[in-house]
Amino acid sequence: MDLSLDIVAPKGPKIVMTPSRARVGDTVRILVHGFQNEVFPEPMFTWTRVGSRLLDGSSEFDGKELVLERVPAELNGSMYRCTAQNPLGSTDTHTRLIVFENPNIPRGTEDSRGSASSLAGVRLTLVLALTVVLEL
């Protein structure tokens, strides 16, 4: 009699970040997917920001979803790690938050003769647009 045994390990967690593009002040949601009814006991998920505290000042956050409200430009390059842990072991995955600053600076207007007018005395407002790119 021949016996065979196939051992199938569940796939590790996967991170989904929305929106994939954000502006200063937007809310970014980072959600971990995976292990749906594939792992027993159900793992506990813990989020950390590598090398720094989370946006709210805490060192870690428990749950499947990390919400970053009012995203500032200072988060550019921040690495976020999600660790899934149960009594049988742990695994982690991470993502990097990339923030691009795209200033839309008004340019001088042309007068009726076609020459550029001076911006002297004109108040300029700098508008920043951010793009968040997910790296796995």
Protein backbone atom coordinates (compact mmCIF):
# COMPACT_ATOMS: atom_id res chain seq x y z
CA MET A 1 0.00 0.00 0.00
CA ASP A 2 1.35 3.39 -1.03
CA LEU A 3 0.52 6.40 1.06
CA SER A 4 1.11 9.97 0.15
CA LEU A 5 0.71 13.07 2.22
CA ASP A 6 0.39 16.54 0.77
CA ILE A 7 1.04 19.40 3.13
CA VAL A 8 -0.36 22.69 1.95
CA ALA A 9 0.61 25.83 3.79
CA PRO A 10 -1.69 28.82 3.59
CA LYS A 11 -0.45 31.80 1.64
CA GLY A 12 1.00 34.58 3.72
CA PRO A 13 -0.71 37.86 4.38
CA LYS A 14 -1.03 40.46 1.63
CA ILE A 15 -1.31 44.21 2.17
CA VAL A 16 -3.71 46.42 0.23
CA MET A 17 -3.42 50.21 0.55
CA THR A 18 -6.22 52.59 -0.49
CA PRO A 19 -6.19 55.05 -1.99
CA SER A 20 -3.10 54.27 -4.01
CA ARG A 21 -2.73 58.03 -4.55
CA ALA A 22 -3.34 60.52 -1.75
CA ARG A 23 -3.06 64.23 -1.09
CA VAL A 24 -1.98 65.92 2.11
CA GLY A 25 -4.91 65.64 4.50
CA ASP A 26 -6.38 62.50 2.92
CA THR A 27 -7.10 59.30 4.84
CA VAL A 28 -5.08 56.22 3.82
CA ARG A 29 -6.28 52.73 4.76
CA ILE A 30 -3.79 49.86 4.88
CA LEU A 31 -5.56 46.51 5.11
CA VAL A 32 -4.05 43.06 5.47
CA HIS A 33 -5.73 40.16 3.62
CA GLY A 34 -5.07 36.49 3.94
CA PHE A 35 -5.65 33.50 6.15
CA GLN A 36 -9.45 33.58 5.74
CA ASN A 37 -10.46 30.41 7.60
CA GLU A 38 -7.16 28.82 6.51
CA VAL A 39 -5.32 29.17 9.80
CA PHE A 40 -6.36 27.98 13.22
CA PRO A 41 -6.25 29.53 15.67
CA GLU A 42 -7.00 32.86 13.94
CA PRO A 43 -3.90 35.05 14.05
CA MET A 44 -3.65 38.39 15.80
CA PHE A 45 -2.46 41.24 13.55
CA THR A 46 -0.16 43.97 14.86
CA TRP A 47 0.95 47.07 12.90
CA THR A 48 4.17 48.98 13.52
CA ARG A 49 5.96 51.81 11.74
CA VAL A 50 9.56 50.72 11.23
CA GLY A 51 12.01 53.04 12.99
CA SER A 52 9.37 55.40 14.35
CA ARG A 53 6.04 55.68 16.09
CA LEU A 54 2.70 55.51 14.32
CA LEU A 55 1.00 58.73 13.28
CA ASP A 56 -1.04 58.86 16.51
CA GLY A 57 2.15 58.56 18.60
CA SER A 58 1.63 54.93 19.65
CA SER A 59 4.26 52.27 19.09
CA GLU A 60 1.86 49.67 17.65
CA PHE A 61 -1.75 49.05 16.61
CA ASP A 62 -3.75 45.80 16.72
CA GLY A 63 -6.22 44.87 13.97
CA LYS A 64 -6.46 43.98 10.29
CA GLU A 65 -6.72 47.61 9.16
CA LEU A 66 -4.44 50.56 9.91
CA VAL A 67 -6.00 53.96 9.16
CA LEU A 68 -3.76 56.99 8.67
CA GLU A 69 -5.87 60.14 8.89
CA ARG A 70 -4.79 63.53 7.58
CA VAL A 71 -1.63 62.15 5.94
CA PRO A 72 1.27 64.64 6.19
CA ALA A 73 4.14 64.89 3.70
CA GLU A 74 6.52 63.82 6.48
CA LEU A 75 5.36 60.20 6.06
CA ASN A 76 7.27 59.93 2.77
CA GLY A 77 9.27 56.72 2.81
CA SER A 78 7.68 55.36 5.99
CA MET A 79 7.74 51.57 6.22
CA TYR A 80 4.75 49.84 7.85
CA ARG A 81 4.97 46.23 9.05
CA CYS A 82 2.04 43.93 9.81
CA THR A 83 2.81 40.87 11.91
CA ALA A 84 0.35 37.95 12.02
CA GLN A 85 0.87 35.78 15.09
CA ASN A 86 -0.83 32.81 16.71
CA PRO A 87 0.43 30.14 19.15
CA LEU A 88 1.90 28.16 16.23
CA GLY A 89 4.14 30.93 14.92
CA SER A 90 4.27 34.29 13.24
CA THR A 91 4.91 35.90 9.88
CA ASP A 92 5.03 39.46 8.71
CA THR A 93 4.71 41.58 5.62
CA HIS A 94 5.40 45.22 5.00
CA THR A 95 4.70 48.15 2.73
CA ARG A 96 6.35 51.50 2.16
CA LEU A 97 4.37 54.71 1.93
CA ILE A 98 5.80 56.91 -0.82
CA VAL A 99 4.65 60.53 -0.86
CA PHE A 100 5.31 62.66 -3.91
CA GLU A 101 5.02 66.41 -3.69
CA ASN A 102 3.78 67.99 -6.94
CA PRO A 103 3.52 71.73 -6.47
CA ASN A 104 1.21 73.51 -8.91
CA ILE A 105 2.80 76.94 -9.01
CA PRO A 106 0.96 79.51 -11.11
CA ARG A 107 3.00 80.91 -13.96
CA GLY A 108 2.93 84.51 -15.12
CA THR A 109 0.10 85.49 -17.42
CA GLU A 110 0.60 87.17 -20.75
CA ASP A 111 -0.65 90.68 -21.38
CA SER A 112 -2.39 91.79 -24.59
CA ARG A 113 1.01 92.35 -26.28
CA GLY A 114 1.99 88.70 -25.71
CA SER A 115 4.74 89.44 -23.19
CA ALA A 116 4.83 87.78 -19.79
CA SER A 117 3.68 90.04 -17.01
CA SER A 118 5.57 90.34 -13.76
CA LEU A 119 4.46 88.43 -10.69
CA ALA A 120 5.80 91.15 -8.39
CA GLY A 121 3.27 91.87 -5.70
CA VAL A 122 1.19 88.79 -6.57
CA ARG A 123 0.50 86.41 -3.72
CA LEU A 124 1.24 82.81 -4.71
CA THR A 125 -0.31 79.79 -3.07
CA LEU A 126 1.60 76.51 -3.13
CA VAL A 127 -0.66 73.49 -3.55
CA LEU A 128 0.81 70.05 -2.79
CA ALA A 129 -0.55 66.90 -4.38
CA LEU A 130 0.65 63.54 -3.05
CA THR A 131 0.84 60.15 -4.66
CA VAL A 132 1.14 57.02 -2.53
CA VAL A 133 2.82 54.03 -4.16
CA LEU A 134 2.61 50.57 -2.65
CA GLU A 135 5.78 48.47 -2.68
CA LEU A 136 5.49 44.84 -1.59
